[in-house]
Each structure stands twice: as C-alpha cells, then as structure tokens.
Protein backbone atom coordinates (compact mmCIF):
# COMPACT_ATOMS: atom_id res chain seq x y z
CA MET A 1 -6.30 10.73 19.79
CA SER A 2 -3.97 7.96 20.68
CA ASP A 3 -0.39 8.89 20.40
CA ASN A 4 1.00 6.04 22.63
CA SER A 5 3.26 3.16 21.28
CA PHE A 6 1.33 -0.01 20.23
CA GLU A 7 1.96 -3.50 18.75
CA VAL A 8 0.91 -4.38 15.22
CA HIS A 9 0.77 -8.14 14.69
CA LEU A 10 0.85 -9.32 11.01
CA ALA A 11 -1.34 -12.31 10.89
CA ARG A 12 -0.16 -13.85 7.69
CA LYS A 13 3.53 -13.08 8.16
CA GLY A 14 3.31 -14.07 11.82
CA ILE A 15 5.42 -11.24 13.12
CA THR A 16 4.83 -8.37 15.57
CA VAL A 17 6.11 -4.77 15.05
CA ILE A 18 6.13 -2.00 17.67
CA VAL A 19 4.75 1.31 16.37
CA ASN A 20 6.22 4.08 18.35
CA SER A 21 4.52 7.27 19.26
CA ASP A 22 6.13 9.33 16.56
CA GLU A 23 5.64 7.00 13.59
CA SER A 24 2.85 5.63 11.41
CA ILE A 25 2.12 1.87 11.10
CA LEU A 26 3.48 2.05 7.56
CA ASP A 27 6.75 3.79 8.80
CA ALA A 28 7.28 1.02 11.40
CA LEU A 29 6.61 -1.74 8.94
CA LEU A 30 9.02 -0.36 6.32
CA PHE A 31 11.56 0.06 8.90
CA ALA A 32 11.22 -3.46 10.01
CA GLY A 33 11.79 -4.47 6.32
CA VAL A 34 7.95 -5.47 5.76
CA GLN A 35 6.74 -5.06 2.34
CA ALA A 36 3.25 -3.08 2.54
CA PRO A 37 1.11 -1.42 0.04
CA TYR A 38 1.25 2.43 -0.11
CA LEU A 39 1.34 5.43 -2.49
CA CYS A 40 0.36 8.94 -1.02
CA MET A 41 1.27 8.45 2.56
CA GLU A 42 -1.39 10.85 3.47
CA GLY A 43 -4.44 8.75 3.94
CA SER A 44 -6.17 10.07 0.76
CA CYS A 45 -5.63 7.35 -1.91
CA SER A 46 -6.63 4.10 -0.04
CA THR A 47 -3.69 2.25 -1.48
CA CYS A 48 -2.54 1.25 1.84
CA GLN A 49 -5.91 -0.06 3.15
CA VAL A 50 -5.49 -3.24 5.08
CA ALA A 51 -8.05 -5.49 6.77
CA VAL A 52 -8.13 -5.19 10.66
CA LEU A 53 -8.66 -8.76 12.35
CA ASP A 54 -8.53 -7.56 15.91
CA GLY A 55 -8.08 -4.31 17.81
CA ILE A 56 -9.62 -0.84 17.72
CA PRO A 57 -8.21 1.36 14.96
CA GLU A 58 -7.93 5.16 15.20
CA HIS A 59 -8.99 6.36 11.77
CA ARG A 60 -6.87 9.36 10.60
CA ASP A 61 -7.47 9.03 6.78
CA SER A 62 -9.79 11.11 4.69
CA VAL A 63 -11.37 8.39 2.61
CA LEU A 64 -13.35 5.95 4.73
CA THR A 65 -17.07 6.64 5.19
CA GLY A 66 -18.61 6.82 8.58
CA ALA A 67 -19.92 3.27 8.22
CA GLN A 68 -16.61 1.94 7.40
CA ARG A 69 -14.99 3.60 10.37
CA GLU A 70 -17.76 2.20 12.61
CA ALA A 71 -17.19 -1.32 11.22
CA GLN A 72 -13.62 -1.04 12.32
CA ASN A 73 -12.53 -3.88 9.87
CA VAL A 74 -10.21 -1.81 7.61
CA ILE A 75 -7.41 0.67 8.39
CA MET A 76 -5.24 3.17 6.20
CA ILE A 77 -1.83 2.17 7.58
CA CYS A 78 -0.02 5.24 6.25
CA CYS A 79 -1.66 7.61 8.76
CA SER A 80 -3.93 5.78 11.12
CA ARG A 81 -3.04 4.41 14.59
CA SER A 82 -4.59 2.17 17.26
CA TYR A 83 -6.64 2.89 20.24
CA SER A 84 -6.01 -0.56 21.59
CA SER A 85 -2.34 -1.69 22.71
CA ARG A 86 -2.39 -4.31 19.96
CA LEU A 87 -3.69 -4.24 16.34
CA VAL A 88 -3.91 -7.43 14.30
CA LEU A 89 -3.76 -6.90 10.39
CA ASP A 90 -4.28 -9.12 7.57
CA LEU A 91 -0.80 -8.89 6.22
C-alpha cells in the first residue's frame, strides 16, 4: 500500500493538488475548493469514479472488477490512492 503524499493533476481544470499521506484524493480536492462527484465516501457506490489519464492508481474500493483494476483507467477518488508520485485525472 502506498501511504506517501502524491500529486493529483486535474487535466480539465489545469490545477495540481497535493494529497497528503493521511487523506483521500477526494478530501484533498474538497479542501482545495474543487467540486468533485461523491456520495458514500467508502468506495462502494462508484459515484466518485473518475478517469485516470496518467499514473498508477492504487485501488482501495470494493466496486471495480479485476479487469477494470488492471486497465488502470478509472479510480474511485473517495478512497483510492496512487502508486506513482503523480496521478493525472480527467477532472
């Protein structure tokens, strides 16, 4: 598991947010004032699913299939993190 800080770059918004080791991507985005989709905040509803454009997500949700995890092209931002130091999302 990756509990290090990492950068999340929001491609459509053109901003980068640091995700600290003790917070989720969603927490960091909300703290930075970024509107992002979410509902359960537990990785079980898939409302927060966002496309991954670059980087290696660490999936901590309970909804993605094995094939979806292997494709590494979506992430549940409420609970998942990043193995890479920078993750680029379609937000």
